[in-house]
Amino acid sequence: MLDSKKSIKIMMLGLRGFPDVQGGVETHCENLCHELAKQRCELVVLTRSPYTRKIQPEAYHGIGFKRLWAPKSKTLETIVHTFLGVVYAALNRPDVLHIQAIGPAVWTPLARLLGLRVVVTHHGPDYDRQKWGWYAKLVLRVGERLGMRYANDRIVISETIRQIIRNKYGLNSVKIPNGVALPNLSNSLELLEEFQLVANRYILLVSRLVREKRHLDLIEAYKQGYLEDWKLVIVGDADHPDEYVKQLKLTSDATLGVVMTGYQSGDTLKALYQHAGIFVLPSSHEGLPIALLEALSFGLPVIASDIPANKEVGLGPEHYFPLGDVSELTKRLQYWAERQLTNEDRESIRLWVEERFDWRRIAQDTCSVYRNVMELRTEPL
């Protein structure tokens, strides 16, 4: 029986890195690692060189970082970096290699052949994303199949994904959702001045600039809503700009009241969340949306498309609209713009989301998966 007081050496792979790296998987890993470090886990995160700088463990909560080379290429970045990461892990022999997402999971059989214990977290069926071409979708489907079949254990972030894995592969998995850290609120109105915003009088969307986030639906609904003195703020950037990003920027420039801030982090992002009037997530594809949870952690009224991942958050029907239905989204914007939440209302929202999506409990459950996997023999496939 494994000593529960013994520290566990974990190597994490499949993300670009953190801090200050855009992405849901990156945000997930940053928050998870903070809490895992408190659970007697010795962590080394393998990061991609184009996105991260050298960080000393003592400067970041004791988490270790190893920058490995990766080509900044939409098609090659993940698969090349993950291969190098698996080789690095094989040389350094962590107790568990934790691979994040199904694209990197394509190398799970190699990791097992090299004698590593492997946990794979499935963040969502990325092959459904509109941004990928046929080759990338093929790799993602293969990655899902190999990762789920050959990992020592599987984590999924939602019930929807758990059902996918059960139906497609006949395999069980451990559901451990995304979480949220309840932020401390502060007076930070001066940070809005750069974007000429007024507190509680703007709609907010925070996401990568990719087609499945459906920014254009939100811009059209904002135009149709005629919300007097309200602005629409789109926070985020594109990793690999394409025709969609060009169209989005042209549409934004042509629409009065739309503000594109680019990628934001730290105090500026916190201020944009804290002082928004409404948060909207109109996307067609999500795993379990961290941006939506973050908006709730600031006590914001939120609106989201009615895809299963968004509905799994568990909000009331007034918060959802049919995917792609701009008319219904317009009505939801008008509905929430007319309502002024009190401080008590917002605090109630904050406590609700903290209770349901607590990172401390999530880290404890993840650590239990690690310890169960360590009970297994380490024979290769």
Foldseek 3Di string as FASTA:
>chain_A
DDDQPAAFEEEEDQDQEDDPDDDDLRVLVLLLVLLLLVSRYQAEYEHEVVGDDADDCVRRNNHHYDYDYADLDPQGRRQVSLVVVLVVCLVVPGLEYEYEAQLSQLCLQVSLQSLHAYEYEHLFQCLPFPVDDPVSSVSSVSSNVNNLVRHLAYEAAFPVVQVVCCVPPVDGHHHQHGFDDQDDDDPDVVLCVVQPDDFLQEEEEEHAQGPQQPVVLVLVLVVVLPRPSHAYEYEEYYSDDDPSNVVVVVSQVVRPRYHYDYHDDDPSVVVCLLRYNEYERLGPDGRQDPVVLHSLSSLHQYAYEPDPNPCRLPDDPLRYDHRPPSVVVSVSVNVSSVDDDDPVNSVVSNVVRCVVGPSNVSSVVVVVVSVVSSVDRRNGD
